[in-house]
C-alpha atoms as a PDB file:
ATOM      1  CA  MET A   1     103.107  82.307 106.241  1.00  0.00           C
ATOM      2  CA  SER A   2     104.640  78.876 106.619  1.00  0.00           C
ATOM      3  CA  ALA A   3     105.975  77.699 109.974  1.00  0.00           C
ATOM      4  CA  LEU A   4     109.368  77.144 108.371  1.00  0.00           C
ATOM      5  CA  ARG A   5     110.631  78.968 105.300  1.00  0.00           C
ATOM      6  CA  PRO A   6     108.041  80.857 103.231  1.00  0.00           C
ATOM      7  CA  ARG A   7     107.326  78.982 100.005  1.00  0.00           C
ATOM      8  CA  ILE A   8     107.453  80.983  96.781  1.00  0.00           C
ATOM      9  CA  LEU A   9     106.052  79.437  93.607  1.00  0.00           C
ATOM     10  CA  VAL A  10     107.626  80.784  90.404  1.00  0.00           C
ATOM     11  CA  ILE A  11     105.488  80.192  87.292  1.00  0.00           C
ATOM     12  CA  ASP A  12     107.641  80.872  84.235  1.00  0.00           C
ATOM     13  CA  ASP A  13     108.529  78.926  81.096  1.00  0.00           C
ATOM     14  CA  GLU A  14     112.050  80.380  80.782  1.00  0.00           C
ATOM     15  CA  PRO A  15     114.676  78.006  82.280  1.00  0.00           C
ATOM     16  CA  GLN A  16     117.118  80.871  82.843  1.00  0.00           C
ATOM     17  CA  ILE A  17     114.594  82.633  85.105  1.00  0.00           C
ATOM     18  CA  HIS A  18     114.426  79.565  87.336  1.00  0.00           C
ATOM     19  CA  ARG A  19     118.215  79.115  87.195  1.00  0.00           C
ATOM     20  CA  PHE A  20     118.972  82.480  88.753  1.00  0.00           C
ATOM     21  CA  LEU A  21     115.762  83.116  90.703  1.00  0.00           C
ATOM     22  CA  GLY A  22     115.678  79.743  92.486  1.00  0.00           C
ATOM     23  CA  PRO A  23     119.095  80.146  94.169  1.00  0.00           C
ATOM     24  CA  ALA A  24     118.380  83.830  94.898  1.00  0.00           C
ATOM     25  CA  LEU A  25     115.144  82.974  96.685  1.00  0.00           C
ATOM     26  CA  ASP A  26     116.874  80.173  98.576  1.00  0.00           C
ATOM     27  CA  ALA A  27     119.677  82.521  99.682  1.00  0.00           C
ATOM     28  CA  ALA A  28     117.105  85.074 100.837  1.00  0.00           C
ATOM     29  CA  GLY A  29     115.472  82.540 103.146  1.00  0.00           C
ATOM     30  CA  TYR A  30     112.624  81.298 100.954  1.00  0.00           C
ATOM     31  CA  ASP A  31     111.738  77.825  99.714  1.00  0.00           C
ATOM     32  CA  PRO A  32     111.488  78.153  95.902  1.00  0.00           C
ATOM     33  CA  LEU A  33     108.943  76.057  94.011  1.00  0.00           C
ATOM     34  CA  ARG A  34     108.813  75.755  90.225  1.00  0.00           C
ATOM     35  CA  ALA A  35     106.167  75.511  87.527  1.00  0.00           C
ATOM     36  CA  ASP A  36     106.886  75.870  83.803  1.00  0.00           C
ATOM     37  CA  GLY A  37     103.375  76.661  82.562  1.00  0.00           C
ATOM     38  CA  GLY A  38      99.962  77.967  83.526  1.00  0.00           C
ATOM     39  CA  GLN A  39      98.214  74.646  84.083  1.00  0.00           C
ATOM     40  CA  GLU A  40     101.143  73.311  86.099  1.00  0.00           C
ATOM     41  CA  GLY A  41     101.200  76.555  88.061  1.00  0.00           C
ATOM     42  CA  LEU A  42      97.517  76.327  88.984  1.00  0.00           C
ATOM     43  CA  ARG A  43      98.022  72.744  90.134  1.00  0.00           C
ATOM     44  CA  GLY A  44     101.034  73.879  92.171  1.00  0.00           C
ATOM     45  CA  ILE A  45      99.069  76.654  93.881  1.00  0.00           C
ATOM     46  CA  ALA A  46      96.316  74.184  94.799  1.00  0.00           C
ATOM     47  CA  LEU A  47      98.772  71.487  95.938  1.00  0.00           C
ATOM     48  CA  TRP A  48     101.389  73.537  97.802  1.00  0.00           C
ATOM     49  CA  SER A  49      99.450  76.603  99.012  1.00  0.00           C
ATOM     50  CA  PRO A  50     102.554  78.779  98.607  1.00  0.00           C
ATOM     51  CA  ASP A  51     103.055  81.916 100.671  1.00  0.00           C
ATOM     52  CA  ALA A  52     103.412  83.932  97.451  1.00  0.00           C
ATOM     53  CA  VAL A  53     103.436  83.424  93.692  1.00  0.00           C
ATOM     54  CA  VAL A  54     105.650  84.999  91.036  1.00  0.00           C
ATOM     55  CA  LEU A  55     103.775  84.739  87.737  1.00  0.00           C
ATOM     56  CA  ASP A  56     105.065  85.469  84.237  1.00  0.00           C
ATOM     57  CA  LEU A  57     102.282  86.784  82.003  1.00  0.00           C
ATOM     58  CA  GLY A  58     103.878  85.331  78.844  1.00  0.00           C
ATOM     59  CA  LEU A  59     103.276  81.601  79.245  1.00  0.00           C
ATOM     60  CA  PRO A  60     103.139  79.061  76.392  1.00  0.00           C
ATOM     61  CA  ASP A  61     100.009  77.128  77.317  1.00  0.00           C
ATOM     62  CA  MET A  62      97.655  79.873  78.548  1.00  0.00           C
ATOM     63  CA  ASP A  63      97.500  83.626  79.058  1.00  0.00           C
ATOM     64  CA  GLY A  64      99.096  84.619  82.354  1.00  0.00           C
ATOM     65  CA  LYS A  65      96.137  86.913  83.108  1.00  0.00           C
ATOM     66  CA  ASP A  66      93.831  83.893  82.832  1.00  0.00           C
ATOM     67  CA  VAL A  67      96.074  82.005  85.258  1.00  0.00           C
ATOM     68  CA  LEU A  68      95.788  84.956  87.621  1.00  0.00           C
ATOM     69  CA  GLU A  69      92.001  85.070  87.366  1.00  0.00           C
ATOM     70  CA  LYS A  70      91.620  81.312  87.897  1.00  0.00           C
ATOM     71  CA  ALA A  71      94.043  81.382  90.846  1.00  0.00           C
ATOM     72  CA  ARG A  72      92.122  84.193  92.519  1.00  0.00           C
ATOM     73  CA  ALA A  73      89.056  81.931  92.645  1.00  0.00           C
ATOM     74  CA  PHE A  74      90.733  79.862  95.386  1.00  0.00           C
ATOM     75  CA  TYR A  75      93.990  81.575  96.413  1.00  0.00           C
ATOM     76  CA  ASP A  76      94.276  84.827  98.401  1.00  0.00           C
ATOM     77  CA  GLY A  77      98.047  85.008  98.824  1.00  0.00           C
ATOM     78  CA  PRO A  78     100.280  87.619  97.153  1.00  0.00           C
ATOM     79  CA  ILE A  79     100.788  87.293  93.387  1.00  0.00           C
ATOM     80  CA  LEU A  80     103.578  89.280  91.722  1.00  0.00           C
ATOM     81  CA  ILE A  81     103.547  89.417  87.952  1.00  0.00           C
ATOM     82  CA  LEU A  82     106.502  89.590  85.574  1.00  0.00           C
ATOM     83  CA  SER A  83     105.776  91.726  82.517  1.00  0.00           C
ATOM     84  CA  ALA A  84     107.701  93.237  79.603  1.00  0.00           C
ATOM     85  CA  ARG A  85     108.572  96.908  80.124  1.00  0.00           C
ATOM     86  CA  ASP A  86     106.510  98.149  77.165  1.00  0.00           C
ATOM     87  CA  ARG A  87     103.263  96.312  78.016  1.00  0.00           C
ATOM     88  CA  GLU A  88     101.632  98.934  80.208  1.00  0.00           C
ATOM     89  CA  ILE A  89      98.024  97.976  79.456  1.00  0.00           C
ATOM     90  CA  GLU A  90      98.809  94.340  80.278  1.00  0.00           C
ATOM     91  CA  LYS A  91     100.181  95.312  83.695  1.00  0.00           C
ATOM     92  CA  ILE A  92      97.135  97.459  84.480  1.00  0.00           C
ATOM     93  CA  GLU A  93      94.748  94.660  83.504  1.00  0.00           C
ATOM     94  CA  ALA A  94      96.623  92.164  85.667  1.00  0.00           C
ATOM     95  CA  LEU A  95      96.514  94.506  88.671  1.00  0.00           C
ATOM     96  CA  ASP A  96      92.791  95.030  88.132  1.00  0.00           C
ATOM     97  CA  ARG A  97      92.345  91.233  88.076  1.00  0.00           C
ATOM     98  CA  GLY A  98      93.965  90.843  91.482  1.00  0.00           C
ATOM     99  CA  ALA A  99      97.760  90.928  91.138  1.00  0.00           C
ATOM    100  CA  ASN A 100      99.481  92.549  94.113  1.00  0.00           C
ATOM    101  CA  ASP A 101     102.381  94.088  92.233  1.00  0.00           C
ATOM    102  CA  TYR A 102     104.511  93.787  89.116  1.00  0.00           C
ATOM    103  CA  VAL A 103     108.175  93.689  88.156  1.00  0.00           C
ATOM    104  CA  GLU A 104     109.262  94.667  84.663  1.00  0.00           C
ATOM    105  CA  LYS A 105     111.538  92.416  82.613  1.00  0.00           C
ATOM    106  CA  PRO A 106     114.481  92.547  82.574  1.00  0.00           C
ATOM    107  CA  PHE A 107     114.587  92.888  86.357  1.00  0.00           C
ATOM    108  CA  GLY A 108     117.148  92.759  89.143  1.00  0.00           C
ATOM    109  CA  VAL A 109     116.808  90.102  91.827  1.00  0.00           C
ATOM    110  CA  GLY A 110     117.080  92.803  94.504  1.00  0.00           C
ATOM    111  CA  GLU A 111     114.035  94.608  93.144  1.00  0.00           C
ATOM    112  CA  LEU A 112     111.961  91.427  92.956  1.00  0.00           C
ATOM    113  CA  LEU A 113     112.913  90.395  96.503  1.00  0.00           C
ATOM    114  CA  ALA A 114     112.012  93.860  97.794  1.00  0.00           C
ATOM    115  CA  ARG A 115     108.587  93.729  96.123  1.00  0.00           C
ATOM    116  CA  LEU A 116     108.110  90.222  97.502  1.00  0.00           C
ATOM    117  CA  ARG A 117     108.883  91.343 101.057  1.00  0.00           C
ATOM    118  CA  VAL A 118     106.358  94.176 100.735  1.00  0.00           C
ATOM    119  CA  ALA A 119     103.682  91.814  99.396  1.00  0.00           C
ATOM    120  CA  LEU A 120     104.231  89.356 102.250  1.00  0.00           C
ATOM    121  CA  ARG A 121     104.065  92.204 104.796  1.00  0.00           C
ATOM    122  CA  GLN A 122     100.794  93.342 103.215  1.00  0.00           C
ATOM    123  CA  LYS A 123      99.361  89.877 103.670  1.00  0.00           C
ATOM    124  CA  ALA A 124     100.490  89.743 107.300  1.00  0.00           C
ATOM    125  CA  ALA A 125      99.060  93.219 107.928  1.00  0.00           C
ATOM    126  CA  THR A 126      95.611  92.199 106.693  1.00  0.00           C
ATOM    127  CA  GLN A 127      95.613  89.408 109.286  1.00  0.00           C
ATOM    128  CA  ALA A 128      96.737  91.696 112.131  1.00  0.00           C
ATOM    129  CA  PRO A 129      94.495  93.923 114.308  1.00  0.00           C
ATOM    130  CA  VAL A 130      93.746  97.259 112.637  1.00  0.00           C
ATOM    131  CA  GLY A 131      95.685 100.183 114.102  1.00  0.00           C
ATOM    132  CA  PRO A 132      97.001 103.563 112.972  1.00  0.00           C
ATOM    133  CA  ILE A 133      98.951 103.502 109.722  1.00  0.00           C
ATOM    134  CA  ARG A 134     102.219 105.453 109.869  1.00  0.00           C
ATOM    135  CA  ALA A 135     104.522 106.855 107.232  1.00  0.00           C
ATOM    136  CA  GLY A 136     107.315 108.880 108.775  1.00  0.00           C
ATOM    137  CA  ALA A 137     105.738 111.893 110.507  1.00  0.00           C
ATOM    138  CA  VAL A 138     102.296 111.103 109.071  1.00  0.00           C
ATOM    139  CA  GLU A 139      99.736 108.970 110.903  1.00  0.00           C
ATOM    140  CA  LEU A 140      96.320 107.883 109.659  1.00  0.00           C
ATOM    141  CA  ASP A 141      93.793 106.625 112.218  1.00  0.00           C
ATOM    142  CA  LEU A 142      91.141 104.789 110.215  1.00  0.00           C
ATOM    143  CA  GLU A 143      88.780 104.340 113.174  1.00  0.00           C
ATOM    144  CA  LYS A 144      88.748 108.066 113.986  1.00  0.00           C
ATOM    145  CA  ARG A 145      89.125 109.171 110.339  1.00  0.00           C
ATOM    146  CA  LEU A 146      91.951 111.373 111.579  1.00  0.00           C
ATOM    147  CA  VAL A 147      95.145 112.424 109.781  1.00  0.00           C
ATOM    148  CA  THR A 148      98.074 113.918 111.699  1.00  0.00           C
ATOM    149  CA  ARG A 149     101.574 115.067 110.804  1.00  0.00           C
ATOM    150  CA  ASN A 150     104.138 115.503 113.580  1.00  0.00           C
ATOM    151  CA  GLY A 151     101.241 115.134 116.005  1.00  0.00           C
ATOM    152  CA  ALA A 152      99.238 118.017 114.544  1.00  0.00           C
ATOM    153  CA  VAL A 153      95.879 117.409 112.881  1.00  0.00           C
ATOM    154  CA  VAL A 154      95.945 117.795 109.095  1.00  0.00           C
ATOM    155  CA  LYS A 155      92.724 119.125 107.604  1.00  0.00           C
ATOM    156  CA  VAL A 156      91.720 117.045 104.591  1.00  0.00           C
ATOM    157  CA  SER A 157      88.483 117.074 102.634  1.00  0.00           C
ATOM    158  CA  PRO A 158      86.235 113.984 102.714  1.00  0.00           C
ATOM    159  CA  ARG A 159      87.345 113.076  99.188  1.00  0.00           C
ATOM    160  CA  GLU A 160      91.045 113.579 100.012  1.00  0.00           C
ATOM    161  CA  TYR A 161      90.580 111.326 103.021  1.00  0.00           C
ATOM    162  CA  GLU A 162      88.969 108.583 100.922  1.00  0.00           C
ATOM    163  CA  VAL A 163      91.848 108.657  98.430  1.00  0.00           C
ATOM    164  CA  LEU A 164      94.444 108.600 101.213  1.00  0.00           C
ATOM    165  CA  ALA A 165      92.693 105.842 103.180  1.00  0.00           C
ATOM    166  CA  ARG A 166      92.274 103.645 100.115  1.00  0.00           C
ATOM    167  CA  LEU A 167      95.980 103.965  99.282  1.00  0.00           C
ATOM    168  CA  ALA A 168      97.102 103.511 102.893  1.00  0.00           C
ATOM    169  CA  MET A 169      95.057 100.342 103.321  1.00  0.00           C
ATOM    170  CA  GLY A 170      96.927  98.940 100.333  1.00  0.00           C
ATOM    171  CA  ARG A 171     100.078  99.103 102.486  1.00  0.00           C
ATOM    172  CA  GLY A 172     102.512  99.424  99.602  1.00  0.00           C
ATOM    173  CA  LYS A 173     100.387  97.749  96.928  1.00  0.00           C
ATOM    174  CA  VAL A 174     100.122  99.669  93.682  1.00  0.00           C
ATOM    175  CA  LEU A 175      96.501 100.676  93.069  1.00  0.00           C
ATOM    176  CA  THR A 176      95.507 101.380  89.489  1.00  0.00           C
ATOM    177  CA  HIS A 177      93.806 104.583  88.378  1.00  0.00           C
ATOM    178  CA  LYS A 178      90.680 102.566  87.581  1.00  0.00           C
ATOM    179  CA  GLU A 179      90.625 100.891  91.001  1.00  0.00           C
ATOM    180  CA  LEU A 180      91.003 104.179  92.877  1.00  0.00           C
ATOM    181  CA  LEU A 181      88.545 106.122  90.744  1.00  0.00           C
ATOM    182  CA  THR A 182      85.908 103.396  90.951  1.00  0.00           C
ATOM    183  CA  SER A 183      86.221 102.970  94.723  1.00  0.00           C
ATOM    184  CA  VAL A 184      86.236 106.714  95.529  1.00  0.00           C
ATOM    185  CA  TRP A 185      84.164 108.361  92.770  1.00  0.00           C
ATOM    186  CA  GLY A 186      82.193 105.406  91.388  1.00  0.00           C
ATOM    187  CA  PRO A 187      82.211 103.436  88.098  1.00  0.00           C
ATOM    188  CA  ALA A 188      81.047 106.418  86.036  1.00  0.00           C
ATOM    189  CA  HIS A 189      84.398 108.148  86.715  1.00  0.00           C
ATOM    190  CA  MET A 190      86.791 105.222  86.183  1.00  0.00           C
ATOM    191  CA  HIS A 191      88.575 107.068  83.334  1.00  0.00           C
ATOM    192  CA  ASP A 192      88.765 110.538  84.931  1.00  0.00           C
ATOM    193  CA  THR A 193      92.442 110.339  85.887  1.00  0.00           C
ATOM    194  CA  GLN A 194      92.685 114.127  86.204  1.00  0.00           C
ATOM    195  CA  TYR A 195      90.606 113.847  89.400  1.00  0.00           C
ATOM    196  CA  LEU A 196      93.296 111.663  90.918  1.00  0.00           C
ATOM    197  CA  ARG A 197      96.178 113.894  89.849  1.00  0.00           C
ATOM    198  CA  VAL A 198      94.523 116.886  91.514  1.00  0.00           C
ATOM    199  CA  PHE A 199      93.683 115.132  94.788  1.00  0.00           C
ATOM    200  CA  VAL A 200      97.005 113.304  95.103  1.00  0.00           C
ATOM    201  CA  GLY A 201      98.756 116.627  94.421  1.00  0.00           C
ATOM    202  CA  GLN A 202      96.749 118.281  97.210  1.00  0.00           C
ATOM    203  CA  LEU A 203      97.550 115.458  99.625  1.00  0.00           C
ATOM    204  CA  ARG A 204     101.252 115.712  98.828  1.00  0.00           C
ATOM    205  CA  GLN A 205     101.188 119.429  99.638  1.00  0.00           C
ATOM    206  CA  LYS A 206      99.722 118.622 103.051  1.00  0.00           C
ATOM    207  CA  LEU A 207     101.684 115.489 103.951  1.00  0.00           C
ATOM    208  CA  GLU A 208     105.025 115.355 102.163  1.00  0.00           C
ATOM    209  CA  ALA A 209     108.157 117.078 103.464  1.00  0.00           C
ATOM    210  CA  ASP A 210     109.012 117.851  99.835  1.00  0.00           C
ATOM    211  CA  PRO A 211     105.899 117.553  97.636  1.00  0.00           C
ATOM    212  CA  ALA A 212     108.018 117.749  94.460  1.00  0.00           C
ATOM    213  CA  HIS A 213     109.918 114.618  95.577  1.00  0.00           C
ATOM    214  CA  PRO A 214     107.302 112.517  97.409  1.00  0.00           C
ATOM    215  CA  LYS A 215     108.292 109.684  99.713  1.00  0.00           C
ATOM    216  CA  ILE A 216     104.831 108.593 100.871  1.00  0.00           C
ATOM    217  CA  LEU A 217     102.443 108.892  97.911  1.00  0.00           C
ATOM    218  CA  LEU A 218     104.369 107.512  94.961  1.00  0.00           C
ATOM    219  CA  THR A 219     103.365 107.594  91.299  1.00  0.00           C
ATOM    220  CA  GLU A 220     103.619 104.471  89.159  1.00  0.00           C
ATOM    221  CA  PRO A 221     103.697 106.150  85.716  1.00  0.00           C
ATOM    222  CA  GLY A 222     100.767 105.184  83.527  1.00  0.00           C
ATOM    223  CA  VAL A 223      99.513 102.689  86.123  1.00  0.00           C
ATOM    224  CA  GLY A 224      98.486 104.297  89.419  1.00  0.00           C
ATOM    225  CA  TYR A 225      99.775 105.140  92.881  1.00  0.00           C
ATOM    226  CA  ARG A 226     101.102 103.416  95.984  1.00  0.00           C
ATOM    227  CA  PHE A 227     101.387 104.413  99.663  1.00  0.00           C
ATOM    228  CA  ILE A 228     104.755 103.781 101.311  1.00  0.00           C
ATOM    229  CA  GLY A 229     104.389 103.394 105.073  1.00  0.00           C
ATOM    230  CA  ASP A 230     106.773 102.458 107.866  1.00  0.00           C
END
């Protein structure tokens, strides 16, 4: 992150988005930067090296997903996408292309700022030494492949562990069904979402205080799952 205020580049063609998001970012301690289109946004990422990018998928000059893909060729910072509520497939494709998270339009500034803080923490965590990942009473030691809850060892199957570890290493990032299935079961099972439902359900029974109302392994309906740690 920047030595001074973290710089956040907002790529959106709607003036009203910049009118309310710019001051909100400024008030929250960020330095807002503006781009009104995809080409301008890519130039801004290259020129300013922002700490994070907020990218609208509905841009006038090029598809937002193409902007995302081109940006990922040279930029590894957090990218949050703005997407219409009913465009589920679009959100999934953007996440699979490298977006860190998404916020549905219309959105509240509080929600966007919260997602932004999580994304920036994720980035910082990837640059920090690896240690145990904690979520309330649950601790995951990646080096020892050990899961504990309230200090007691939790017995998990090898496949359960792989699902949990993959989610935990995301540190709050939503992982799509396709991403999880491909990384744990392989490309041949990228559409077998029932596998995930079963294994996530089993993990919740072992780790959550109230499996019916999970606080650690959260479902993003129609998209995937995310791990909420401390």
